[in-house]
Amino acid sequence: MRTKETWIYRAGLVCPSGQRGIVDRVVTYPGEIYRLAAQGGRWRITRWSSGEGTLQQD
């Protein structure tokens, strides 16, 4: 099975000067590959490869 996932990480920063900021980091994996196997009436992931990812950070 081939899929795409996007993860968003949000961090709140407090600087020594007292200023605050929010930073977002977006990671996208456009070509993930999962290998699944049926086991006991359920599906189980037997192999996973994230492939190449892209990082967008502000």
N, C-alpha and C. Protein backbone atom coordinates (compact mmCIF):
# COMPACT_ATOMS: atom_id res chain seq x y z
N MET A 1 0.85 -1.16 0.00
CA MET A 1 0.00 0.00 0.00
C MET A 1 0.90 1.23 0.00
N ARG A 2 0.58 2.21 -0.81
CA ARG A 2 1.34 3.45 -0.87
C ARG A 2 0.44 4.58 -0.35
N THR A 3 1.01 5.46 0.46
CA THR A 3 0.22 6.54 1.04
C THR A 3 1.08 7.79 1.22
N LYS A 4 0.47 8.85 1.71
CA LYS A 4 1.17 10.11 1.97
C LYS A 4 0.77 10.57 3.36
N GLU A 5 1.75 11.02 4.13
CA GLU A 5 1.47 11.54 5.47
C GLU A 5 2.11 12.91 5.63
N THR A 6 1.45 13.76 6.40
CA THR A 6 2.00 15.07 6.76
C THR A 6 1.91 15.20 8.27
N TRP A 7 3.05 15.54 8.90
CA TRP A 7 3.13 15.74 10.34
C TRP A 7 3.42 17.21 10.60
N ILE A 8 2.69 17.81 11.53
CA ILE A 8 2.91 19.21 11.91
C ILE A 8 3.33 19.25 13.37
N TYR A 9 4.50 19.82 13.61
CA TYR A 9 5.02 19.99 14.97
C TYR A 9 4.94 21.47 15.30
N ARG A 10 4.34 21.83 16.40
CA ARG A 10 4.22 23.22 16.82
C ARG A 10 4.91 23.38 18.17
N ALA A 11 5.80 24.37 18.25
CA ALA A 11 6.55 24.61 19.48
C ALA A 11 6.34 26.05 19.92
N GLY A 12 6.12 26.22 21.22
CA GLY A 12 6.06 27.55 21.81
C GLY A 12 7.43 27.87 22.40
N LEU A 13 8.02 28.97 22.02
CA LEU A 13 9.35 29.34 22.48
C LEU A 13 9.27 30.54 23.42
N VAL A 14 10.05 30.48 24.48
CA VAL A 14 10.19 31.61 25.39
C VAL A 14 11.66 31.98 25.39
N CYS A 15 11.97 33.18 24.91
CA CYS A 15 13.35 33.63 24.80
C CYS A 15 13.80 34.26 26.12
N PRO A 16 15.13 34.32 26.36
CA PRO A 16 15.63 34.92 27.59
C PRO A 16 15.15 36.36 27.79
N SER A 17 14.90 37.08 26.71
CA SER A 17 14.44 38.47 26.83
C SER A 17 12.97 38.57 27.24
N GLY A 18 12.29 37.40 27.34
CA GLY A 18 10.89 37.40 27.72
C GLY A 18 9.94 37.37 26.54
N GLN A 19 10.47 37.49 25.33
CA GLN A 19 9.61 37.41 24.15
C GLN A 19 9.17 35.98 23.92
N ARG A 20 7.99 35.83 23.35
CA ARG A 20 7.45 34.51 23.07
C ARG A 20 7.22 34.36 21.57
N GLY A 21 7.29 33.15 21.10
CA GLY A 21 7.04 32.89 19.68
C GLY A 21 6.54 31.47 19.49
N ILE A 22 5.92 31.26 18.35
CA ILE A 22 5.42 29.93 17.98
C ILE A 22 6.11 29.55 16.67
N VAL A 23 6.64 28.34 16.63
CA VAL A 23 7.33 27.86 15.44
C VAL A 23 6.63 26.60 14.96
N ASP A 24 6.35 26.53 13.66
CA ASP A 24 5.75 25.34 13.05
C ASP A 24 6.79 24.63 12.19
N ARG A 25 6.75 23.32 12.24
CA ARG A 25 7.61 22.50 11.40
C ARG A 25 6.70 21.48 10.73
N VAL A 26 6.66 21.47 9.40
CA VAL A 26 5.78 20.59 8.65
C VAL A 26 6.65 19.59 7.88
N VAL A 27 6.45 18.32 8.14
CA VAL A 27 7.20 17.27 7.45
C VAL A 27 6.20 16.44 6.64
N THR A 28 6.48 16.28 5.34
CA THR A 28 5.60 15.52 4.45
C THR A 28 6.37 14.35 3.86
N TYR A 29 5.75 13.19 3.92
CA TYR A 29 6.30 11.98 3.31
C TYR A 29 5.36 11.58 2.16
N PRO A 30 5.69 11.97 0.92
CA PRO A 30 4.75 11.76 -0.19
C PRO A 30 4.69 10.34 -0.74
N GLY A 31 5.64 9.47 -0.39
CA GLY A 31 5.65 8.14 -1.00
C GLY A 31 5.90 7.03 0.00
N GLU A 32 5.18 7.04 1.12
CA GLU A 32 5.36 5.97 2.10
C GLU A 32 4.84 4.65 1.55
N ILE A 33 5.53 3.58 1.89
CA ILE A 33 5.09 2.26 1.46
C ILE A 33 4.92 1.37 2.68
N TYR A 34 3.74 0.80 2.80
CA TYR A 34 3.43 -0.15 3.87
C TYR A 34 3.23 -1.53 3.25
N ARG A 35 3.76 -2.55 3.91
CA ARG A 35 3.45 -3.92 3.51
C ARG A 35 2.62 -4.51 4.64
N LEU A 36 1.43 -4.98 4.30
CA LEU A 36 0.49 -5.50 5.28
C LEU A 36 0.32 -7.01 5.13
N ALA A 37 0.01 -7.67 6.24
CA ALA A 37 -0.28 -9.10 6.22
C ALA A 37 -1.50 -9.37 7.08
N ALA A 38 -2.38 -10.25 6.60
CA ALA A 38 -3.54 -10.64 7.38
C ALA A 38 -3.09 -11.64 8.44
N GLN A 39 -3.54 -11.39 9.68
CA GLN A 39 -3.16 -12.28 10.77
C GLN A 39 -4.30 -12.34 11.78
N GLY A 40 -4.91 -13.50 11.91
CA GLY A 40 -6.00 -13.68 12.86
C GLY A 40 -7.20 -12.79 12.59
N GLY A 41 -7.53 -12.56 11.34
CA GLY A 41 -8.68 -11.73 11.00
C GLY A 41 -8.41 -10.23 11.07
N ARG A 42 -7.16 -9.85 11.30
CA ARG A 42 -6.79 -8.43 11.35
C ARG A 42 -5.60 -8.19 10.43
N TRP A 43 -5.38 -6.94 10.08
CA TRP A 43 -4.23 -6.57 9.27
C TRP A 43 -3.11 -6.08 10.17
N ARG A 44 -1.88 -6.47 9.84
CA ARG A 44 -0.72 -6.07 10.61
C ARG A 44 0.35 -5.52 9.66
N ILE A 45 1.02 -4.45 10.06
CA ILE A 45 2.10 -3.89 9.24
C ILE A 45 3.35 -4.74 9.45
N THR A 46 3.88 -5.27 8.36
CA THR A 46 5.09 -6.09 8.45
C THR A 46 6.33 -5.32 8.01
N ARG A 47 6.16 -4.30 7.19
CA ARG A 47 7.28 -3.49 6.74
C ARG A 47 6.78 -2.09 6.43
N TRP A 48 7.61 -1.08 6.76
CA TRP A 48 7.24 0.31 6.52
C TRP A 48 8.46 1.08 6.06
N SER A 49 8.31 1.86 5.02
CA SER A 49 9.39 2.70 4.52
C SER A 49 8.82 4.09 4.28
N SER A 50 9.40 5.10 4.94
CA SER A 50 8.88 6.46 4.80
C SER A 50 9.29 7.09 3.48
N GLY A 51 10.38 6.63 2.87
CA GLY A 51 10.85 7.23 1.61
C GLY A 51 11.40 8.62 1.86
N GLU A 52 11.55 9.38 0.80
CA GLU A 52 12.06 10.75 0.90
C GLU A 52 11.01 11.66 1.51
N GLY A 53 11.45 12.57 2.34
CA GLY A 53 10.52 13.53 2.96
C GLY A 53 10.92 14.96 2.63
N THR A 54 9.98 15.87 2.85
CA THR A 54 10.27 17.29 2.67
C THR A 54 9.99 17.99 3.99
N LEU A 55 10.80 18.99 4.30
CA LEU A 55 10.68 19.73 5.54
C LEU A 55 10.43 21.20 5.24
N GLN A 56 9.39 21.74 5.86
CA GLN A 56 9.09 23.18 5.74
C GLN A 56 9.10 23.74 7.16
N GLN A 57 9.92 24.72 7.39
CA GLN A 57 10.06 25.27 8.73
C GLN A 57 10.07 26.77 8.65
N ASP A 58 9.33 27.42 9.58
CA ASP A 58 9.36 28.89 9.58
C ASP A 58 10.32 29.40 10.63
